[in-house]
Amino acid sequence: MNEDQFKGKWNQVKGKFKQEYADLTDDDLKYAEGKLDELLGRLQEKTGETKEKLKEQIDQW
């Protein structure tokens, strides 16, 4: 998935991440803008999931 595809998909799944991982804040989710690796790292830290698992979740949603 390239960065543009990720950004488009990310706009669709922000709410789902917030529902599943209630401790995520809007600031955490704002990292999507051009910072894919940082975003995935922050999500990984907050959720305890692997980057691969997070990418799979995004692809499914």
PDB file of N, CA and C in Angstrom:
ATOM      1  N   MET A   1       0.870  -1.163   0.000  1.00  0.00           N
ATOM      2  CA  MET A   1       0.000   0.000   0.000  1.00  0.00           C
ATOM      3  C   MET A   1       0.909   1.215   0.000  1.00  0.00           C
ATOM      4  N   ASN A   2       0.678   2.145  -0.946  1.00  0.00           N
ATOM      5  CA  ASN A   2       1.486   3.356  -0.956  1.00  0.00           C
ATOM      6  C   ASN A   2       0.892   4.401  -0.016  1.00  0.00           C
ATOM      7  N   GLU A   3       1.606   5.498   0.157  1.00  0.00           N
ATOM      8  CA  GLU A   3       1.188   6.500   1.138  1.00  0.00           C
ATOM      9  C   GLU A   3      -0.166   7.119   0.810  1.00  0.00           C
ATOM     10  N   ASP A   4      -0.446   7.389  -0.466  1.00  0.00           N
ATOM     11  CA  ASP A   4      -1.745   7.967  -0.840  1.00  0.00           C
ATOM     12  C   ASP A   4      -2.888   6.998  -0.561  1.00  0.00           C
ATOM     13  N   GLN A   5      -2.674   5.740  -0.864  1.00  0.00           N
ATOM     14  CA  GLN A   5      -3.696   4.734  -0.567  1.00  0.00           C
ATOM     15  C   GLN A   5      -3.929   4.648   0.935  1.00  0.00           C
ATOM     16  N   PHE A   6      -2.841   4.685   1.674  1.00  0.00           N
ATOM     17  CA  PHE A   6      -2.964   4.614   3.118  1.00  0.00           C
ATOM     18  C   PHE A   6      -3.768   5.795   3.656  1.00  0.00           C
ATOM     19  N   LYS A   7      -3.459   6.995   3.190  1.00  0.00           N
ATOM     20  CA  LYS A   7      -4.178   8.185   3.668  1.00  0.00           C
ATOM     21  C   LYS A   7      -5.670   8.074   3.376  1.00  0.00           C
ATOM     22  N   GLY A   8      -6.022   7.625   2.185  1.00  0.00           N
ATOM     23  CA  GLY A   8      -7.431   7.468   1.841  1.00  0.00           C
ATOM     24  C   GLY A   8      -8.115   6.442   2.721  1.00  0.00           C
ATOM     25  N   LYS A   9      -7.450   5.331   2.909  1.00  0.00           N
ATOM     26  CA  LYS A   9      -8.004   4.273   3.751  1.00  0.00           C
ATOM     27  C   LYS A   9      -8.078   4.728   5.204  1.00  0.00           C
ATOM     28  N   TRP A  10      -7.048   5.457   5.637  1.00  0.00           N
ATOM     29  CA  TRP A  10      -6.994   5.902   7.019  1.00  0.00           C
ATOM     30  C   TRP A  10      -8.175   6.778   7.370  1.00  0.00           C
ATOM     31  N   ASN A  11      -8.591   7.613   6.449  1.00  0.00           N
ATOM     32  CA  ASN A  11      -9.747   8.472   6.698  1.00  0.00           C
ATOM     33  C   ASN A  11     -10.998   7.650   6.984  1.00  0.00           C
ATOM     34  N   GLN A  12     -11.049   6.449   6.473  1.00  0.00           N
ATOM     35  CA  GLN A  12     -12.208   5.586   6.670  1.00  0.00           C
ATOM     36  C   GLN A  12     -12.154   4.799   7.987  1.00  0.00           C
ATOM     37  N   VAL A  13     -10.956   4.605   8.527  1.00  0.00           N
ATOM     38  CA  VAL A  13     -10.843   3.711   9.680  1.00  0.00           C
ATOM     39  C   VAL A  13     -10.528   4.403  11.005  1.00  0.00           C
ATOM     40  N   LYS A  14     -10.351   5.692  11.008  1.00  0.00           N
ATOM     41  CA  LYS A  14     -10.042   6.397  12.261  1.00  0.00           C
ATOM     42  C   LYS A  14     -11.063   6.078  13.348  1.00  0.00           C
ATOM     43  N   GLY A  15     -12.316   6.176  12.999  1.00  0.00           N
ATOM     44  CA  GLY A  15     -13.368   5.919  13.981  1.00  0.00           C
ATOM     45  C   GLY A  15     -13.348   4.500  14.503  1.00  0.00           C
ATOM     46  N   LYS A  16     -13.045   3.550  13.638  1.00  0.00           N
ATOM     47  CA  LYS A  16     -13.004   2.156  14.070  1.00  0.00           C
ATOM     48  C   LYS A  16     -11.864   1.916  15.050  1.00  0.00           C
ATOM     49  N   PHE A  17     -10.708   2.542  14.803  1.00  0.00           N
ATOM     50  CA  PHE A  17      -9.616   2.422  15.756  1.00  0.00           C
ATOM     51  C   PHE A  17      -9.999   3.041  17.090  1.00  0.00           C
ATOM     52  N   LYS A  18     -10.650   4.185  17.058  1.00  0.00           N
ATOM     53  CA  LYS A  18     -11.039   4.843  18.305  1.00  0.00           C
ATOM     54  C   LYS A  18     -12.055   4.002  19.074  1.00  0.00           C
ATOM     55  N   GLN A  19     -12.913   3.300  18.369  1.00  0.00           N
ATOM     56  CA  GLN A  19     -13.881   2.433  19.031  1.00  0.00           C
ATOM     57  C   GLN A  19     -13.193   1.231  19.664  1.00  0.00           C
ATOM     58  N   GLU A  20     -12.257   0.637  18.942  1.00  0.00           N
ATOM     59  CA  GLU A  20     -11.609  -0.573  19.433  1.00  0.00           C
ATOM     60  C   GLU A  20     -10.545  -0.283  20.487  1.00  0.00           C
ATOM     61  N   TYR A  21      -9.865   0.851  20.351  1.00  0.00           N
ATOM     62  CA  TYR A  21      -8.787   1.219  21.270  1.00  0.00           C
ATOM     63  C   TYR A  21      -9.117   2.585  21.862  1.00  0.00           C
ATOM     64  N   ALA A  22      -9.900   2.578  22.913  1.00  0.00           N
ATOM     65  CA  ALA A  22     -10.472   3.798  23.479  1.00  0.00           C
ATOM     66  C   ALA A  22      -9.427   4.787  23.979  1.00  0.00           C
ATOM     67  N   ASP A  23      -8.210   4.352  24.283  1.00  0.00           N
ATOM     68  CA  ASP A  23      -7.214   5.282  24.796  1.00  0.00           C
ATOM     69  C   ASP A  23      -6.521   6.097  23.706  1.00  0.00           C
ATOM     70  N   LEU A  24      -6.834   5.836  22.442  1.00  0.00           N
ATOM     71  CA  LEU A  24      -6.287   6.652  21.360  1.00  0.00           C
ATOM     72  C   LEU A  24      -6.945   8.026  21.376  1.00  0.00           C
ATOM     73  N   THR A  25      -6.156   9.057  21.140  1.00  0.00           N
ATOM     74  CA  THR A  25      -6.681  10.417  21.086  1.00  0.00           C
ATOM     75  C   THR A  25      -6.669  10.917  19.657  1.00  0.00           C
ATOM     76  N   ASP A  26      -7.329  12.046  19.436  1.00  0.00           N
ATOM     77  CA  ASP A  26      -7.293  12.668  18.115  1.00  0.00           C
ATOM     78  C   ASP A  26      -5.859  13.020  17.731  1.00  0.00           C
ATOM     79  N   ASP A  27      -5.051  13.447  18.704  1.00  0.00           N
ATOM     80  CA  ASP A  27      -3.651  13.761  18.418  1.00  0.00           C
ATOM     81  C   ASP A  27      -2.895  12.533  17.931  1.00  0.00           C
ATOM     82  N   ASP A  28      -3.167  11.381  18.529  1.00  0.00           N
ATOM     83  CA  ASP A  28      -2.527  10.143  18.064  1.00  0.00           C
ATOM     84  C   ASP A  28      -2.883   9.879  16.612  1.00  0.00           C
ATOM     85  N   LEU A  29      -4.129  10.096  16.291  1.00  0.00           N
ATOM     86  CA  LEU A  29      -4.611   9.754  14.950  1.00  0.00           C
ATOM     87  C   LEU A  29      -4.222  10.787  13.895  1.00  0.00           C
ATOM     88  N   LYS A  30      -3.811  11.960  14.286  1.00  0.00           N
ATOM     89  CA  LYS A  30      -3.390  12.993  13.336  1.00  0.00           C
ATOM     90  C   LYS A  30      -2.040  12.687  12.697  1.00  0.00           C
ATOM     91  N   TYR A  31      -1.339  11.714  13.212  1.00  0.00           N
ATOM     92  CA  TYR A  31      -0.029  11.348  12.674  1.00  0.00           C
ATOM     93  C   TYR A  31      -0.114  10.783  11.255  1.00  0.00           C
ATOM     94  N   ALA A  32      -1.296  10.537  10.765  1.00  0.00           N
ATOM     95  CA  ALA A  32      -1.456   9.941   9.439  1.00  0.00           C
ATOM     96  C   ALA A  32      -0.939  10.828   8.325  1.00  0.00           C
ATOM     97  N   GLU A  33      -0.953  12.110   8.521  1.00  0.00           N
ATOM     98  CA  GLU A  33      -0.557  13.036   7.467  1.00  0.00           C
ATOM     99  C   GLU A  33       0.936  12.963   7.193  1.00  0.00           C
ATOM    100  N   GLY A  34       1.322  12.114   6.242  1.00  0.00           N
ATOM    101  CA  GLY A  34       2.703  12.041   5.801  1.00  0.00           C
ATOM    102  C   GLY A  34       3.656  11.364   6.772  1.00  0.00           C
ATOM    103  N   LYS A  35       3.157  10.728   7.806  1.00  0.00           N
ATOM    104  CA  LYS A  35       4.025  10.119   8.803  1.00  0.00           C
ATOM    105  C   LYS A  35       3.609   8.679   9.067  1.00  0.00           C
ATOM    106  N   LEU A  36       3.559   7.898   8.045  1.00  0.00           N
ATOM    107  CA  LEU A  36       3.070   6.519   8.152  1.00  0.00           C
ATOM    108  C   LEU A  36       3.845   5.715   9.189  1.00  0.00           C
ATOM    109  N   ASP A  37       5.165   5.749   9.134  1.00  0.00           N
ATOM    110  CA  ASP A  37       5.942   4.961  10.084  1.00  0.00           C
ATOM    111  C   ASP A  37       5.728   5.437  11.512  1.00  0.00           C
ATOM    112  N   GLU A  38       5.678   6.751  11.708  1.00  0.00           N
ATOM    113  CA  GLU A  38       5.446   7.278  13.050  1.00  0.00           C
ATOM    114  C   GLU A  38       4.050   6.908  13.537  1.00  0.00           C
ATOM    115  N   LEU A  39       3.087   6.990  12.641  1.00  0.00           N
ATOM    116  CA  LEU A  39       1.720   6.635  12.999  1.00  0.00           C
ATOM    117  C   LEU A  39       1.647   5.175  13.422  1.00  0.00           C
ATOM    118  N   LEU A  40       2.214   4.295  12.620  1.00  0.00           N
ATOM    119  CA  LEU A  40       2.162   2.880  12.949  1.00  0.00           C
ATOM    120  C   LEU A  40       2.903   2.601  14.258  1.00  0.00           C
ATOM    121  N   GLY A  41       4.000   3.286  14.491  1.00  0.00           N
ATOM    122  CA  GLY A  41       4.722   3.126  15.747  1.00  0.00           C
ATOM    123  C   GLY A  41       3.896   3.572  16.938  1.00  0.00           C
ATOM    124  N   ARG A  42       3.211   4.691  16.799  1.00  0.00           N
ATOM    125  CA  ARG A  42       2.362   5.188  17.882  1.00  0.00           C
ATOM    126  C   ARG A  42       1.197   4.234  18.124  1.00  0.00           C
ATOM    127  N   LEU A  43       0.578   3.758  17.049  1.00  0.00           N
ATOM    128  CA  LEU A  43      -0.517   2.803  17.194  1.00  0.00           C
ATOM    129  C   LEU A  43      -0.017   1.513  17.842  1.00  0.00           C
ATOM    130  N   GLN A  44       1.169   1.087  17.425  1.00  0.00           N
ATOM    131  CA  GLN A  44       1.741  -0.132  17.992  1.00  0.00           C
ATOM    132  C   GLN A  44       1.981   0.050  19.486  1.00  0.00           C
ATOM    133  N   GLU A  45       2.498   1.193  19.867  1.00  0.00           N
ATOM    134  CA  GLU A  45       2.754   1.465  21.285  1.00  0.00           C
ATOM    135  C   GLU A  45       1.464   1.483  22.094  1.00  0.00           C
ATOM    136  N   LYS A  46       0.431   2.105  21.559  1.00  0.00           N
ATOM    137  CA  LYS A  46      -0.827   2.244  22.289  1.00  0.00           C
ATOM    138  C   LYS A  46      -1.633   0.946  22.328  1.00  0.00           C
ATOM    139  N   THR A  47      -1.559   0.162  21.249  1.00  0.00           N
ATOM    140  CA  THR A  47      -2.413  -1.015  21.149  1.00  0.00           C
ATOM    141  C   THR A  47      -1.705  -2.314  21.514  1.00  0.00           C
ATOM    142  N   GLY A  48      -0.376  -2.323  21.437  1.00  0.00           N
ATOM    143  CA  GLY A  48       0.364  -3.552  21.684  1.00  0.00           C
ATOM    144  C   GLY A  48       0.367  -4.502  20.506  1.00  0.00           C
ATOM    145  N   GLU A  49      -0.185  -4.082  19.387  1.00  0.00           N
ATOM    146  CA  GLU A  49      -0.232  -4.915  18.185  1.00  0.00           C
ATOM    147  C   GLU A  49       1.039  -4.717  17.363  1.00  0.00           C
ATOM    148  N   THR A  50       1.349  -5.664  16.480  1.00  0.00           N
ATOM    149  CA  THR A  50       2.484  -5.507  15.579  1.00  0.00           C
ATOM    150  C   THR A  50       2.097  -4.579  14.440  1.00  0.00           C
ATOM    151  N   LYS A  51       3.094  -4.005  13.788  1.00  0.00           N
ATOM    152  CA  LYS A  51       2.816  -3.135  12.642  1.00  0.00           C
ATOM    153  C   LYS A  51       2.093  -3.912  11.547  1.00  0.00           C
ATOM    154  N   GLU A  52       2.499  -5.150  11.364  1.00  0.00           N
ATOM    155  CA  GLU A  52       1.858  -5.983  10.340  1.00  0.00           C
ATOM    156  C   GLU A  52       0.384  -6.199  10.662  1.00  0.00           C
ATOM    157  N   LYS A  53       0.096  -6.481  11.935  1.00  0.00           N
ATOM    158  CA  LYS A  53      -1.297  -6.685  12.362  1.00  0.00           C
ATOM    159  C   LYS A  53      -2.106  -5.409  12.148  1.00  0.00           C
ATOM    160  N   LEU A  54      -1.525  -4.256  12.484  1.00  0.00           N
ATOM    161  CA  LEU A  54      -2.225  -2.987  12.297  1.00  0.00           C
ATOM    162  C   LEU A  54      -2.495  -2.723  10.816  1.00  0.00           C
ATOM    163  N   LYS A  55      -1.516  -3.004   9.968  1.00  0.00           N
ATOM    164  CA  LYS A  55      -1.718  -2.824   8.525  1.00  0.00           C
ATOM    165  C   LYS A  55      -2.828  -3.747   8.024  1.00  0.00           C
ATOM    166  N   GLU A  56      -2.867  -4.986   8.534  1.00  0.00           N
ATOM    167  CA  GLU A  56      -3.923  -5.921   8.151  1.00  0.00           C
ATOM    168  C   GLU A  56      -5.286  -5.392   8.576  1.00  0.00           C
ATOM    169  N   GLN A  57      -5.373  -4.842   9.791  1.00  0.00           N
ATOM    170  CA  GLN A  57      -6.637  -4.278  10.261  1.00  0.00           C
ATOM    171  C   GLN A  57      -7.082  -3.138   9.361  1.00  0.00           C
ATOM    172  N   ILE A  58      -6.151  -2.275   9.007  1.00  0.00           N
ATOM    173  CA  ILE A  58      -6.501  -1.138   8.137  1.00  0.00           C
ATOM    174  C   ILE A  58      -6.996  -1.646   6.793  1.00  0.00           C
ATOM    175  N   ASP A  59      -6.309  -2.639   6.233  1.00  0.00           N
ATOM    176  CA  ASP A  59      -6.730  -3.197   4.947  1.00  0.00           C
ATOM    177  C   ASP A  59      -8.124  -3.823   5.019  1.00  0.00           C
ATOM    178  N   GLN A  60      -8.455  -4.449   6.162  1.00  0.00           N
ATOM    179  CA  GLN A  60      -9.763  -5.102   6.312  1.00  0.00           C
ATOM    180  C   GLN A  60     -10.877  -4.093   6.439  1.00  0.00           C
ATOM    181  N   TRP A  61     -10.607  -2.967   7.105  1.00  0.00           N
ATOM    182  CA  TRP A  61     -11.647  -1.976   7.319  1.00  0.00           C
ATOM    183  C   TRP A  61     -11.791  -1.157   6.088  1.00  0.00           C
TER     184      TRP A  61
END
